[in-house]
Amino acid sequence: MNTVAAQGIAPASPWFNRHFNMNPATFDFEIGVPVAQPVTAAGRVRPSELPVVIAHAT
């Protein structure tokens, strides 16, 4: 959140967690902060995008 704020960018909605691996030996995850403009990589912060998901009614 400090990196986003330092770049003059405000979160567009609440942050979220994306879990890759959870077991007693490893807890691998990333924290996402939705933003309306690009974020420049800094330190451990890396910009990324989630794939578009279209929900179908059944």
Protein backbone atom coordinates (compact mmCIF):
# COMPACT_ATOMS: atom_id res chain seq x y z
CA MET A 1 0.00 0.00 0.00
CA ASN A 2 2.92 2.34 0.70
CA THR A 3 4.36 1.76 -2.78
CA VAL A 4 1.02 2.47 -4.45
CA ALA A 5 0.53 5.63 -2.36
CA ALA A 6 4.12 6.79 -3.04
CA GLN A 7 3.33 6.67 -6.76
CA GLY A 8 0.28 8.90 -6.21
CA ILE A 9 -2.15 6.06 -6.94
CA ALA A 10 -5.21 5.28 -4.84
CA PRO A 11 -6.71 1.78 -4.59
CA ALA A 12 -9.79 1.41 -6.83
CA SER A 13 -11.38 -1.19 -4.52
CA PRO A 14 -10.40 -3.34 -1.50
CA TRP A 15 -7.21 -5.40 -1.66
CA PHE A 16 -7.36 -9.19 -1.97
CA ASN A 17 -5.22 -12.32 -1.50
CA ARG A 18 -4.39 -14.84 -4.19
CA HIS A 19 -3.13 -18.14 -2.73
CA PHE A 20 -0.84 -20.39 -4.76
CA ASN A 21 0.29 -22.98 -2.22
CA MET A 22 -0.74 -23.56 1.39
CA ASN A 23 0.75 -26.41 3.38
CA PRO A 24 2.68 -26.61 6.65
CA ALA A 25 6.02 -26.01 4.93
CA THR A 26 5.01 -23.31 2.45
CA PHE A 27 2.52 -20.47 2.39
CA ASP A 28 2.85 -18.87 -1.05
CA PHE A 29 0.51 -15.99 -1.86
CA GLU A 30 0.32 -12.51 -3.27
CA ILE A 31 -1.68 -9.48 -2.23
CA GLY A 32 -3.48 -7.60 -4.98
CA VAL A 33 -4.48 -3.96 -4.95
CA PRO A 34 -6.88 -3.02 -7.76
CA VAL A 35 -5.86 0.33 -9.26
CA ALA A 36 -7.13 2.51 -12.10
CA GLN A 37 -3.68 3.30 -13.53
CA PRO A 38 -0.42 1.37 -13.97
CA VAL A 39 1.92 0.82 -11.02
CA THR A 40 5.68 0.87 -11.53
CA ALA A 41 7.60 -2.06 -10.05
CA ALA A 42 9.45 -1.13 -6.86
CA GLY A 43 11.10 -3.46 -4.33
CA ARG A 44 8.83 -6.50 -3.88
CA VAL A 45 5.91 -4.82 -5.70
CA ARG A 46 5.27 -6.07 -9.23
CA PRO A 47 2.40 -5.04 -11.49
CA SER A 48 0.24 -7.86 -12.83
CA GLU A 49 -3.20 -8.56 -14.24
CA LEU A 50 -5.71 -11.26 -13.47
CA PRO A 51 -7.39 -13.02 -16.39
CA VAL A 52 -10.91 -11.94 -17.32
CA VAL A 53 -13.56 -14.33 -16.04
CA ILE A 54 -17.03 -14.39 -17.54
CA ALA A 55 -19.75 -15.94 -15.41
CA HIS A 56 -22.45 -17.93 -17.20
CA ALA A 57 -25.89 -18.44 -15.73
CA THR A 58 -26.91 -22.08 -15.49
